[in-house]
Amino acid sequence: MDEQKRLRAWVYARIPGDYDGTMNSYKVCSMQALHDGCDIVGGSIDERGGWLLRPGYREMMWQVKAGKIDCIYIYRMRQISGKEQHLYRFFQQVMQHGVKVVTLEYSLRDRLHEYRLEMKIENYAARHKLPFPW
């Protein structure tokens, strides 16, 4: 019964041009997910910076849309994107599917506030009656 309650986690890492850093980020996120009691059901890495050259990101989002994961572990939000519109779209998609996002480097909510996305995301969640992604 306890096994059924464990969250299904996806680990994602991307530091363009830094393979060792990307792999270390993946390892640290995996260890944190296990420490938090999650079952790691998959993960992906991307080595490139271009938005369209990221098969690992696309695979992760497919898993989100298919309802196969409950949470995503990333080291920092910038591994998703440094652009506000990309981050906002990412958070819209994960909220639509009830997926939580865990960042290791800092509080996700505090960082979203710095990006001026916290209010946009909270308003989107309220309008659509969705849970926050943190």
C-alpha atoms as a PDB file:
ATOM      1  CA  MET A   1       0.000   0.000   0.000  1.00  0.00           C
ATOM      2  CA  ASP A   2       2.836   2.412   0.868  1.00  0.00           C
ATOM      3  CA  GLU A   3       4.397   1.826  -2.557  1.00  0.00           C
ATOM      4  CA  GLN A   4       1.258   3.186  -4.250  1.00  0.00           C
ATOM      5  CA  LYS A   5       1.524   6.506  -2.373  1.00  0.00           C
ATOM      6  CA  ARG A   6       5.088   7.237  -3.465  1.00  0.00           C
ATOM      7  CA  LEU A   7       5.419  10.096  -5.926  1.00  0.00           C
ATOM      8  CA  ARG A   8       6.635   9.283  -9.408  1.00  0.00           C
ATOM      9  CA  ALA A   9       9.570  11.557 -10.157  1.00  0.00           C
ATOM     10  CA  TRP A  10      11.290  12.611 -13.374  1.00  0.00           C
ATOM     11  CA  VAL A  11      14.801  14.040 -13.185  1.00  0.00           C
ATOM     12  CA  TYR A  12      15.878  16.604 -15.772  1.00  0.00           C
ATOM     13  CA  ALA A  13      19.292  18.222 -16.213  1.00  0.00           C
ATOM     14  CA  ARG A  14      20.756  20.628 -18.741  1.00  0.00           C
ATOM     15  CA  ILE A  15      23.840  22.807 -18.559  1.00  0.00           C
ATOM     16  CA  PRO A  16      24.744  23.648 -22.180  1.00  0.00           C
ATOM     17  CA  GLY A  17      28.377  22.979 -22.982  1.00  0.00           C
ATOM     18  CA  ASP A  18      29.110  21.346 -19.615  1.00  0.00           C
ATOM     19  CA  TYR A  19      28.633  17.591 -19.788  1.00  0.00           C
ATOM     20  CA  ASP A  20      30.193  16.926 -16.364  1.00  0.00           C
ATOM     21  CA  GLY A  21      28.073  19.641 -14.761  1.00  0.00           C
ATOM     22  CA  THR A  22      24.945  18.278 -16.402  1.00  0.00           C
ATOM     23  CA  MET A  23      25.663  14.757 -15.191  1.00  0.00           C
ATOM     24  CA  ASN A  24      26.464  15.996 -11.678  1.00  0.00           C
ATOM     25  CA  SER A  25      23.235  17.980 -11.624  1.00  0.00           C
ATOM     26  CA  TYR A  26      21.327  14.863 -12.703  1.00  0.00           C
ATOM     27  CA  LYS A  27      22.990  12.797  -9.980  1.00  0.00           C
ATOM     28  CA  VAL A  28      22.296  15.337  -7.228  1.00  0.00           C
ATOM     29  CA  CYS A  29      18.637  15.678  -8.280  1.00  0.00           C
ATOM     30  CA  SER A  30      18.261  11.892  -8.364  1.00  0.00           C
ATOM     31  CA  MET A  31      19.697  11.572  -4.864  1.00  0.00           C
ATOM     32  CA  GLN A  32      17.315  14.260  -3.580  1.00  0.00           C
ATOM     33  CA  ALA A  33      14.292  12.601  -5.197  1.00  0.00           C
ATOM     34  CA  LEU A  34      15.211   9.301  -3.547  1.00  0.00           C
ATOM     35  CA  HIS A  35      15.820  11.061  -0.225  1.00  0.00           C
ATOM     36  CA  ASP A  36      12.343  12.628  -0.522  1.00  0.00           C
ATOM     37  CA  GLY A  37      10.844   9.149  -0.903  1.00  0.00           C
ATOM     38  CA  CYS A  38      10.030   9.323  -4.598  1.00  0.00           C
ATOM     39  CA  ASP A  39      10.217   6.558  -7.152  1.00  0.00           C
ATOM     40  CA  ILE A  40      12.314   7.799 -10.062  1.00  0.00           C
ATOM     41  CA  VAL A  41      10.359   6.628 -13.080  1.00  0.00           C
ATOM     42  CA  GLY A  42      12.591   8.324 -15.619  1.00  0.00           C
ATOM     43  CA  GLY A  43      14.887  11.150 -16.455  1.00  0.00           C
ATOM     44  CA  SER A  44      16.560  12.970 -19.265  1.00  0.00           C
ATOM     45  CA  ILE A  45      19.420  15.277 -20.037  1.00  0.00           C
ATOM     46  CA  ASP A  46      20.044  17.747 -22.808  1.00  0.00           C
ATOM     47  CA  GLU A  47      23.471  18.996 -23.763  1.00  0.00           C
ATOM     48  CA  ARG A  48      22.445  21.818 -26.061  1.00  0.00           C
ATOM     49  CA  GLY A  49      21.060  25.217 -25.311  1.00  0.00           C
ATOM     50  CA  GLY A  50      18.681  25.725 -28.215  1.00  0.00           C
ATOM     51  CA  TRP A  51      15.010  25.450 -27.378  1.00  0.00           C
ATOM     52  CA  LEU A  52      14.283  23.114 -30.289  1.00  0.00           C
ATOM     53  CA  LEU A  53      17.392  20.945 -29.831  1.00  0.00           C
ATOM     54  CA  ARG A  54      16.234  19.375 -26.589  1.00  0.00           C
ATOM     55  CA  PRO A  55      14.850  15.859 -26.996  1.00  0.00           C
ATOM     56  CA  GLY A  56      15.171  15.261 -23.242  1.00  0.00           C
ATOM     57  CA  TYR A  57      12.867  18.185 -22.510  1.00  0.00           C
ATOM     58  CA  ARG A  58      10.358  17.001 -25.085  1.00  0.00           C
ATOM     59  CA  GLU A  59      10.387  13.493 -23.588  1.00  0.00           C
ATOM     60  CA  MET A  60       9.814  14.933 -20.103  1.00  0.00           C
ATOM     61  CA  MET A  61       6.862  17.000 -21.305  1.00  0.00           C
ATOM     62  CA  TRP A  62       5.400  13.959 -23.051  1.00  0.00           C
ATOM     63  CA  GLN A  63       5.555  12.132 -19.711  1.00  0.00           C
ATOM     64  CA  VAL A  64       3.812  15.093 -18.032  1.00  0.00           C
ATOM     65  CA  LYS A  65       1.025  15.151 -20.617  1.00  0.00           C
ATOM     66  CA  ALA A  66       0.613  11.364 -20.429  1.00  0.00           C
ATOM     67  CA  GLY A  67       0.101  11.575 -16.646  1.00  0.00           C
ATOM     68  CA  LYS A  68       3.052   9.315 -15.928  1.00  0.00           C
ATOM     69  CA  ILE A  69       4.842  11.566 -13.404  1.00  0.00           C
ATOM     70  CA  ASP A  70       3.896  13.505 -10.267  1.00  0.00           C
ATOM     71  CA  CYS A  71       6.957  15.701  -9.875  1.00  0.00           C
ATOM     72  CA  ILE A  72       9.988  16.965 -11.735  1.00  0.00           C
ATOM     73  CA  TYR A  73      13.370  17.455 -10.085  1.00  0.00           C
ATOM     74  CA  ILE A  74      15.687  20.081 -11.568  1.00  0.00           C
ATOM     75  CA  TYR A  75      18.697  21.755 -10.051  1.00  0.00           C
ATOM     76  CA  ARG A  76      17.700  25.269 -11.082  1.00  0.00           C
ATOM     77  CA  MET A  77      14.961  26.804 -13.175  1.00  0.00           C
ATOM     78  CA  ARG A  78      17.400  28.064 -15.769  1.00  0.00           C
ATOM     79  CA  GLN A  79      17.874  24.436 -16.835  1.00  0.00           C
ATOM     80  CA  ILE A  80      14.338  24.696 -18.224  1.00  0.00           C
ATOM     81  CA  SER A  81      14.865  28.145 -19.754  1.00  0.00           C
ATOM     82  CA  GLY A  82      16.106  31.618 -18.988  1.00  0.00           C
ATOM     83  CA  LYS A  83      13.245  33.183 -20.932  1.00  0.00           C
ATOM     84  CA  GLU A  84      10.137  34.250 -19.095  1.00  0.00           C
ATOM     85  CA  GLN A  85       7.674  33.186 -21.801  1.00  0.00           C
ATOM     86  CA  HIS A  86       9.179  29.682 -21.985  1.00  0.00           C
ATOM     87  CA  LEU A  87       9.092  29.305 -18.206  1.00  0.00           C
ATOM     88  CA  TYR A  88       5.498  30.525 -18.035  1.00  0.00           C
ATOM     89  CA  ARG A  89       4.423  28.028 -20.700  1.00  0.00           C
ATOM     90  CA  PHE A  90       6.286  25.234 -18.904  1.00  0.00           C
ATOM     91  CA  PHE A  91       4.520  26.024 -15.626  1.00  0.00           C
ATOM     92  CA  GLN A  92       1.131  26.263 -17.345  1.00  0.00           C
ATOM     93  CA  GLN A  93       1.624  22.772 -18.744  1.00  0.00           C
ATOM     94  CA  VAL A  94       2.786  21.164 -15.505  1.00  0.00           C
ATOM     95  CA  MET A  95      -0.036  22.797 -13.523  1.00  0.00           C
ATOM     96  CA  GLN A  96      -2.618  21.511 -16.017  1.00  0.00           C
ATOM     97  CA  HIS A  97      -1.435  18.000 -15.161  1.00  0.00           C
ATOM     98  CA  GLY A  98      -0.938  18.486 -11.403  1.00  0.00           C
ATOM     99  CA  VAL A  99       2.841  18.032 -11.587  1.00  0.00           C
ATOM    100  CA  LYS A 100       5.018  19.650  -8.922  1.00  0.00           C
ATOM    101  CA  VAL A 101       8.451  21.087  -9.691  1.00  0.00           C
ATOM    102  CA  VAL A 102      11.270  20.731  -7.170  1.00  0.00           C
ATOM    103  CA  THR A 103      14.376  22.889  -7.532  1.00  0.00           C
ATOM    104  CA  LEU A 104      17.432  22.162  -5.449  1.00  0.00           C
ATOM    105  CA  GLU A 105      19.423  25.386  -5.667  1.00  0.00           C
ATOM    106  CA  TYR A 106      16.746  27.708  -4.243  1.00  0.00           C
ATOM    107  CA  SER A 107      13.086  28.045  -3.351  1.00  0.00           C
ATOM    108  CA  LEU A 108      11.076  27.790  -6.559  1.00  0.00           C
ATOM    109  CA  ARG A 109       8.516  30.330  -5.378  1.00  0.00           C
ATOM    110  CA  ASP A 110      11.199  32.879  -4.419  1.00  0.00           C
ATOM    111  CA  ARG A 111      12.942  32.459  -7.747  1.00  0.00           C
ATOM    112  CA  LEU A 112       9.699  32.838  -9.684  1.00  0.00           C
ATOM    113  CA  HIS A 113       9.133  36.076  -7.792  1.00  0.00           C
ATOM    114  CA  GLU A 114      12.499  37.311  -9.086  1.00  0.00           C
ATOM    115  CA  TYR A 115      11.424  36.438 -12.622  1.00  0.00           C
ATOM    116  CA  ARG A 116       8.145  38.267 -11.917  1.00  0.00           C
ATOM    117  CA  LEU A 117       6.327  35.067 -12.723  1.00  0.00           C
ATOM    118  CA  GLU A 118       4.963  34.224  -9.281  1.00  0.00           C
ATOM    119  CA  MET A 119       1.850  36.412  -9.622  1.00  0.00           C
ATOM    120  CA  LYS A 120       1.228  35.339 -13.229  1.00  0.00           C
ATOM    121  CA  ILE A 121       1.412  31.688 -12.226  1.00  0.00           C
ATOM    122  CA  GLU A 122      -0.766  32.188  -9.136  1.00  0.00           C
ATOM    123  CA  ASN A 123      -3.354  34.080 -11.205  1.00  0.00           C
ATOM    124  CA  TYR A 124      -3.331  31.355 -13.872  1.00  0.00           C
ATOM    125  CA  ALA A 125      -3.801  28.686 -11.193  1.00  0.00           C
ATOM    126  CA  ALA A 126      -6.694  30.607  -9.611  1.00  0.00           C
ATOM    127  CA  ARG A 127      -8.430  31.243 -12.962  1.00  0.00           C
ATOM    128  CA  HIS A 128      -8.247  27.575 -13.928  1.00  0.00           C
ATOM    129  CA  LYS A 129      -8.614  26.122 -10.400  1.00  0.00           C
ATOM    130  CA  LEU A 130      -5.253  24.373 -10.585  1.00  0.00           C
ATOM    131  CA  PRO A 131      -2.721  23.560  -7.844  1.00  0.00           C
ATOM    132  CA  PHE A 132       0.478  25.582  -7.660  1.00  0.00           C
ATOM    133  CA  PRO A 133       3.549  23.857  -9.090  1.00  0.00           C
ATOM    134  CA  TRP A 134       5.527  24.114  -5.830  1.00  0.00           C
END
